[in-house]
Amino acid sequence: MALSCLNCDNDNSDDNNTDSDDDNPVTGEYLGTASVSQGLATTTIDNLYLPGQRVAGVGTITAADNSVWTVPAEVNYNNSVFPFAPDLFNPDGIQYSTATEALAAFDDNDIIEIDTDGEVITGYIFADNYFELYINGEFVGKDAIPFTEFNSHIVKFRVSRPFTIAMKLVDWEENLGLGSENNQGSDYYTGDGGMVAVFKDVLQNIIATTGSEWKAQTFYTSPIKDLSCPTESGTTRSSSNCDTASENDGTSFYALHWELPSTWMNENFDTSDWPDATTYTNETIVVNNKPSYTNFTDIFDDPENDAEFIWSTNVILDNEVIVSYTVQ
């Protein structure tokens, strides 16, 4: 797809917020496979989680090819059939001091049964900001807080090996359609994502941790200031050449959208040609001040099997990411 764009028309955007800055025009030729939108989305859900520190809104935006996209992602937050994952540490809920305490208090009624003759697996998850966890295509648990404050979860499920872990990860946004928030003195601050997880068997032996052996693909990248900066090679969608600096006016910036395969969460979905997950340090994700992580460093930072934060190739600009891994 070749697209030259300067203030692409967007019927669903706020006319007061999509004027370009004549002194700093944003332009360039886009040669990738994504649909391209420009400016702010139209809010369709004001706030999924009223107690949150930040507003977790949802919106829609029309791209230059007239396709319509939900931002930051289509999620199951209001789907009562998809269970909320039990708390490990929730500033608005239960706050365990240790994983041992959380494990002892776990209600076995919350074990998700996938295979009746399977083994019980325990998962510990910290996501910035939101996750939905599937095992072999079955709902297992979703994040209780879509945006902030930061929280973590413990899940249990009964399954036979091999089994496939698939997760939708969302770096939420206040400026819908523009991958940014009001933070650190900027109205359009480009925050980051990141997810770390550990899975253990019934004897609490580690059977899987997040790392570069996982697969990860981005489906929504924003903000893009210059459409000539993103590149694609095979299935790798890279924005590593793109500017990530925060701005006070990002209303003329762009977003890239790709359609999710309808069966991405299923056991037999083939991710073999997807990019390997990119790993990030604790310092990059900045978790040393978050008790939802630091209370459980014996789990996440096990000295013999350290779990790594993962995301797609750009933890700042990629906002909706699917990750997958098969446990043998």
Protein backbone atom coordinates (compact mmCIF):
# COMPACT_ATOMS: atom_id res chain seq x y z
CA MET A 1 0.00 0.00 0.00
CA ALA A 2 1.45 3.36 -1.03
CA LEU A 3 -0.07 6.38 0.66
CA SER A 4 1.02 9.99 0.71
CA CYS A 5 -0.79 11.76 3.48
CA LEU A 6 -0.97 15.27 4.85
CA ASN A 7 -4.00 15.70 7.12
CA CYS A 8 -5.83 12.62 5.77
CA ASP A 9 -9.59 13.10 5.90
CA ASN A 10 -11.17 11.39 8.90
CA ASP A 11 -14.91 11.83 9.22
CA ASN A 12 -14.92 10.30 12.72
CA SER A 13 -12.34 12.64 14.21
CA ASP A 14 -12.96 15.81 16.18
CA ASP A 15 -12.74 18.71 13.75
CA ASN A 16 -11.36 20.90 16.51
CA ASN A 17 -8.46 18.54 17.11
CA THR A 18 -7.22 17.49 13.67
CA ASP A 19 -5.89 20.75 12.28
CA SER A 20 -2.27 20.47 11.22
CA ASP A 21 0.49 22.61 12.61
CA ASP A 22 1.54 24.64 9.56
CA ASP A 23 4.95 25.24 11.08
CA ASN A 24 5.57 21.51 11.55
CA PRO A 25 3.77 19.61 8.78
CA VAL A 26 3.64 15.85 9.15
CA THR A 27 3.97 14.10 5.83
CA GLY A 28 5.65 11.21 4.06
CA GLU A 29 4.91 8.24 1.84
CA TYR A 30 3.70 5.08 3.55
CA LEU A 31 4.55 1.85 1.73
CA GLY A 32 3.36 -0.76 4.24
CA THR A 33 0.35 -3.05 4.59
CA ALA A 34 -1.53 -1.22 7.37
CA SER A 35 -4.59 0.99 7.16
CA VAL A 36 -3.62 4.56 8.06
CA SER A 37 -5.67 6.93 10.20
CA GLN A 38 -4.92 10.48 11.27
CA GLY A 39 -5.94 12.46 14.31
CA LEU A 40 -8.15 11.71 17.27
CA ALA A 41 -10.75 8.96 17.34
CA THR A 42 -14.39 9.41 18.29
CA THR A 43 -15.04 8.22 21.84
CA THR A 44 -17.58 5.39 22.03
CA ILE A 45 -17.04 4.33 25.67
CA ASP A 46 -16.14 7.13 28.07
CA ASN A 47 -14.39 5.00 30.67
CA LEU A 48 -14.28 1.23 31.21
CA TYR A 49 -13.01 1.56 34.78
CA LEU A 50 -14.23 4.52 36.81
CA PRO A 51 -11.93 4.03 39.86
CA GLY A 52 -8.82 4.18 37.67
CA GLN A 53 -6.15 6.86 37.90
CA ARG A 54 -6.51 7.44 34.16
CA VAL A 55 -9.54 7.36 31.91
CA ALA A 56 -9.73 4.03 30.07
CA GLY A 57 -11.84 5.11 27.12
CA VAL A 58 -12.53 3.31 23.85
CA GLY A 59 -13.08 4.89 20.46
CA THR A 60 -13.40 4.33 16.74
CA ILE A 61 -11.61 5.98 13.86
CA THR A 62 -11.95 5.79 10.08
CA ALA A 63 -8.75 5.21 8.12
CA ALA A 64 -7.87 6.68 4.73
CA ASP A 65 -9.11 3.48 3.05
CA ASN A 66 -12.51 3.91 4.80
CA SER A 67 -11.95 0.98 7.15
CA VAL A 68 -13.14 1.58 10.72
CA TRP A 69 -10.99 0.64 13.70
CA THR A 70 -11.55 0.34 17.43
CA VAL A 71 -8.83 1.95 19.53
CA PRO A 72 -6.83 1.14 21.48
CA ALA A 73 -8.27 -2.36 20.87
CA GLU A 74 -11.40 -4.46 20.84
CA VAL A 75 -11.45 -6.03 24.29
CA ASN A 76 -13.65 -8.30 26.39
CA TYR A 77 -13.59 -6.10 29.47
CA ASN A 78 -17.40 -5.86 29.59
CA ASN A 79 -17.94 -9.47 28.50
CA SER A 80 -19.30 -11.25 31.58
CA VAL A 81 -18.42 -14.66 30.10
CA PHE A 82 -14.71 -13.81 30.10
CA PRO A 83 -13.60 -14.04 33.76
CA PHE A 84 -11.51 -11.45 35.53
CA ALA A 85 -8.26 -13.00 36.69
CA PRO A 86 -7.95 -13.25 40.49
CA ASP A 87 -5.85 -10.57 42.16
CA LEU A 88 -2.21 -10.96 43.02
CA PHE A 89 -1.90 -7.26 43.89
CA ASN A 90 -4.70 -4.85 43.08
CA PRO A 91 -4.62 -1.30 44.51
CA ASP A 92 -8.43 -1.32 44.32
CA GLY A 93 -8.85 -4.92 45.48
CA ILE A 94 -6.88 -7.66 47.23
CA GLN A 95 -3.23 -6.87 47.90
CA TYR A 96 -1.08 -9.87 48.74
CA SER A 97 2.36 -9.31 50.19
CA THR A 98 3.82 -12.53 48.80
CA ALA A 99 3.03 -15.11 46.15
CA THR A 100 2.90 -17.75 48.88
CA GLU A 101 0.09 -15.84 50.57
CA ALA A 102 -1.81 -15.47 47.29
CA LEU A 103 -1.40 -19.15 46.46
CA ALA A 104 -2.66 -20.25 49.88
CA ALA A 105 -5.73 -18.02 49.57
CA PHE A 106 -6.60 -19.06 46.01
CA ASP A 107 -10.20 -20.24 45.65
CA ASP A 108 -10.24 -23.54 43.73
CA ASN A 109 -13.61 -22.55 42.30
CA ASP A 110 -11.62 -20.08 40.18
CA ILE A 111 -9.63 -22.83 38.45
CA ILE A 112 -10.51 -22.76 34.74
CA GLU A 113 -11.01 -26.29 33.43
CA ILE A 114 -9.86 -26.84 29.85
CA ASP A 115 -9.06 -30.57 30.01
CA THR A 116 -10.75 -32.62 32.73
CA ASP A 117 -7.80 -35.02 32.92
CA GLY A 118 -5.16 -32.29 32.76
CA GLU A 119 -2.79 -30.88 35.36
CA VAL A 120 -3.35 -27.66 37.27
CA ILE A 121 -1.07 -24.84 36.09
CA THR A 122 -0.56 -21.59 38.00
CA GLY A 123 0.25 -18.38 36.18
CA TYR A 124 1.56 -15.10 37.59
CA ILE A 125 1.10 -12.07 35.32
CA PHE A 126 2.07 -8.39 35.39
CA ALA A 127 1.00 -6.35 32.35
CA ASP A 128 1.43 -2.70 31.41
CA ASN A 129 -1.38 -2.02 30.87
CA TYR A 130 -3.97 -4.69 29.99
CA PHE A 131 -4.08 -8.37 29.07
CA GLU A 132 -6.52 -11.07 28.04
CA LEU A 133 -5.26 -14.63 28.53
CA TYR A 134 -6.37 -17.61 26.46
CA ILE A 135 -5.25 -21.21 26.83
CA ASN A 136 -5.94 -23.37 23.75
CA GLY A 137 -8.44 -20.72 22.66
CA GLU A 138 -10.40 -20.80 25.93
CA PHE A 139 -11.04 -17.76 28.13
CA VAL A 140 -8.85 -17.96 31.24
CA GLY A 141 -8.53 -14.47 32.69
CA LYS A 142 -8.50 -10.76 31.91
CA ASP A 143 -6.93 -7.80 33.63
CA ALA A 144 -9.04 -6.09 36.30
CA ILE A 145 -7.64 -2.61 35.59
CA PRO A 146 -7.40 -1.65 31.91
CA PHE A 147 -5.15 1.39 32.42
CA THR A 148 -3.75 2.43 35.81
CA GLU A 149 -2.99 1.95 38.69
CA PHE A 150 -0.67 -0.97 38.03
CA ASN A 151 -1.79 -4.37 39.23
CA SER A 152 -0.89 -8.05 38.88
CA HIS A 153 -2.78 -11.34 38.76
CA ILE A 154 -2.64 -15.02 39.61
CA VAL A 155 -4.55 -17.59 37.53
CA LYS A 156 -5.02 -21.35 37.66
CA PHE A 157 -6.21 -23.63 34.88
CA ARG A 158 -6.41 -27.37 34.28
CA VAL A 159 -4.97 -28.45 30.95
CA SER A 160 -3.06 -31.26 29.26
CA ARG A 161 0.30 -30.68 27.62
CA PRO A 162 1.17 -29.46 25.11
CA PHE A 163 -0.91 -26.32 25.44
CA THR A 164 -0.80 -22.90 23.80
CA ILE A 165 -0.72 -19.62 25.70
CA ALA A 166 -2.07 -16.68 23.69
CA MET A 167 -2.49 -13.17 25.05
CA LYS A 168 -3.85 -9.89 23.79
CA LEU A 169 -1.81 -7.05 25.28
CA VAL A 170 -2.86 -3.40 25.21
CA ASP A 171 -0.88 -0.30 26.08
CA TRP A 172 -3.86 1.94 26.85
CA GLU A 173 -4.12 5.57 25.74
CA GLU A 174 -5.89 8.75 26.82
CA ASN A 175 -5.63 10.37 23.38
CA LEU A 176 -7.69 7.77 21.55
CA GLY A 177 -6.26 6.92 18.16
CA LEU A 178 -2.95 8.59 18.93
CA GLY A 179 -1.25 6.18 21.34
CA SER A 180 -0.48 8.78 24.00
CA GLU A 181 -1.48 10.33 27.31
CA ASN A 182 -1.07 13.48 29.37
CA ASN A 183 2.04 12.74 31.41
CA GLN A 184 5.37 14.20 32.51
CA GLY A 185 4.50 17.67 31.27
CA SER A 186 3.39 16.64 27.78
CA ASP A 187 -0.18 16.42 26.49
CA TYR A 188 0.89 13.70 24.04
CA TYR A 189 3.29 11.55 26.05
CA THR A 190 4.17 8.26 24.36
CA GLY A 191 3.98 5.73 27.17
CA ASP A 192 5.25 2.16 26.97
CA GLY A 193 3.86 -1.35 27.32
CA GLY A 194 5.42 -4.57 28.60
CA MET A 195 4.26 -7.91 30.03
CA VAL A 196 5.95 -10.53 32.17
CA ALA A 197 4.55 -13.93 33.18
CA VAL A 198 5.59 -17.13 34.93
CA PHE A 199 3.76 -20.47 34.72
CA LYS A 200 4.28 -23.29 37.22
CA ASP A 201 3.08 -26.88 37.60
CA VAL A 202 1.30 -28.30 40.64
CA LEU A 203 4.65 -28.77 42.40
CA GLN A 204 5.47 -25.11 41.72
CA ASN A 205 8.20 -26.00 39.25
CA ILE A 206 8.55 -23.39 36.50
CA ILE A 207 7.38 -24.72 33.14
CA ALA A 208 7.33 -21.45 31.17
CA THR A 209 8.48 -17.85 31.48
CA THR A 210 8.16 -14.96 29.08
CA GLY A 211 11.20 -14.47 26.86
CA SER A 212 12.45 -14.23 23.29
CA GLU A 213 11.22 -17.77 22.51
CA TRP A 214 7.67 -16.37 22.51
CA LYS A 215 6.14 -14.88 19.35
CA ALA A 216 4.85 -11.31 19.21
CA GLN A 217 3.07 -9.27 16.55
CA THR A 218 1.79 -5.69 16.61
CA PHE A 219 -1.63 -4.74 15.22
CA TYR A 220 -1.85 -1.05 16.18
CA THR A 221 1.06 1.40 16.12
CA SER A 222 0.78 5.07 17.08
CA PRO A 223 1.68 7.90 17.15
CA ILE A 224 3.48 8.04 13.80
CA LYS A 225 4.72 11.52 12.95
CA ASP A 226 6.17 10.73 9.52
CA LEU A 227 4.63 8.01 7.36
CA SER A 228 7.96 7.26 5.71
CA CYS A 229 9.51 5.99 8.97
CA PRO A 230 7.75 2.60 9.42
CA THR A 231 9.22 -0.38 7.58
CA GLU A 232 8.18 -3.96 6.94
CA SER A 233 10.29 -7.03 6.22
CA GLY A 234 8.43 -10.30 5.93
CA THR A 235 6.02 -10.30 8.87
CA THR A 236 8.09 -7.82 10.91
CA ARG A 237 6.34 -4.47 11.28
CA SER A 238 8.99 -2.08 12.52
CA SER A 239 8.72 1.49 13.74
CA SER A 240 12.26 1.60 15.11
CA ASN A 241 13.09 4.50 12.77
CA CYS A 242 10.17 6.57 14.08
CA ASP A 243 10.39 9.47 16.51
CA THR A 244 9.06 8.59 19.99
CA ALA A 245 9.49 12.01 21.59
CA SER A 246 6.47 13.35 23.45
CA GLU A 247 4.68 16.46 22.17
CA ASN A 248 2.20 19.04 23.38
CA ASP A 249 0.18 18.82 20.15
CA GLY A 250 -0.07 15.46 18.45
CA THR A 251 -3.47 15.91 16.85
CA SER A 252 -2.11 15.69 13.31
CA PHE A 253 -0.19 12.45 13.88
CA TYR A 254 -1.02 9.08 12.32
CA ALA A 255 -1.75 5.51 13.37
CA LEU A 256 -1.24 2.17 11.64
CA HIS A 257 -3.86 -0.58 11.96
CA TRP A 258 -3.74 -4.24 10.95
CA GLU A 259 -6.63 -6.70 11.16
CA LEU A 260 -6.29 -9.46 13.75
CA PRO A 261 -6.75 -13.01 12.44
CA SER A 262 -10.05 -14.30 13.82
CA THR A 263 -8.42 -17.46 15.22
CA TRP A 264 -5.27 -15.93 16.73
CA MET A 265 -6.07 -17.33 20.19
CA ASN A 266 -6.59 -20.94 19.08
CA GLU A 267 -4.31 -23.87 19.83
CA ASN A 268 -3.64 -24.62 16.16
CA PHE A 269 -3.07 -21.03 15.01
CA ASP A 270 0.30 -20.89 13.25
CA THR A 271 2.61 -18.13 14.51
CA SER A 272 5.80 -19.74 13.19
CA ASP A 273 6.46 -16.89 10.76
CA TRP A 274 5.76 -14.15 13.32
CA PRO A 275 8.69 -12.22 14.80
CA ASP A 276 10.18 -13.46 18.04
CA ALA A 277 9.16 -11.42 21.04
CA THR A 278 11.50 -8.58 21.93
CA THR A 279 12.69 -8.59 25.55
CA TYR A 280 13.03 -5.55 27.80
CA THR A 281 14.71 -4.99 31.15
CA ASN A 282 12.94 -4.12 34.40
CA GLU A 283 14.63 -0.73 34.19
CA THR A 284 13.19 -0.04 30.73
CA ILE A 285 9.65 -0.88 31.84
CA VAL A 286 10.23 0.93 35.18
CA VAL A 287 8.76 -1.49 37.72
CA ASN A 288 11.00 -0.89 40.73
CA ASN A 289 8.39 1.47 42.25
CA LYS A 290 5.36 -0.78 41.73
CA PRO A 291 4.43 -3.17 44.58
CA SER A 292 2.31 -5.17 42.14
CA TYR A 293 5.68 -6.26 40.78
CA THR A 294 8.22 -5.79 43.57
CA ASN A 295 6.21 -7.88 46.08
CA PHE A 296 6.75 -10.86 43.78
CA THR A 297 10.32 -10.59 42.53
CA ASP A 298 10.93 -14.11 43.86
CA ILE A 299 8.52 -15.22 41.11
CA PHE A 300 9.28 -12.83 38.26
CA ASP A 301 13.02 -12.49 38.92
CA ASP A 302 13.80 -16.05 40.01
CA PRO A 303 17.63 -16.17 39.93
CA GLU A 304 17.56 -19.60 38.26
CA ASN A 305 14.81 -18.84 35.73
CA ASP A 306 14.30 -15.11 35.35
CA ALA A 307 11.20 -14.11 33.41
CA GLU A 308 11.74 -11.24 30.97
CA PHE A 309 9.39 -8.47 29.96
CA ILE A 310 8.26 -8.98 26.38
CA TRP A 311 6.48 -6.96 23.70
CA SER A 312 6.76 -6.48 19.97
CA THR A 313 9.69 -4.62 18.42
CA ASN A 314 8.63 -1.19 19.72
CA VAL A 315 7.47 -1.10 23.34
CA ILE A 316 6.64 2.62 23.03
CA LEU A 317 4.71 2.93 19.76
CA ASP A 318 3.11 -0.52 19.42
CA ASN A 319 -0.13 -0.41 21.40
CA GLU A 320 -1.97 -3.65 20.61
CA VAL A 321 0.17 -6.77 20.57
CA ILE A 322 -0.57 -10.50 20.39
CA VAL A 323 1.92 -12.87 22.03
CA SER A 324 1.94 -16.65 21.88
CA TYR A 325 3.90 -19.62 23.21
CA THR A 326 3.35 -23.39 23.27
CA VAL A 327 4.30 -25.31 26.42
CA GLN A 328 5.46 -28.83 25.62
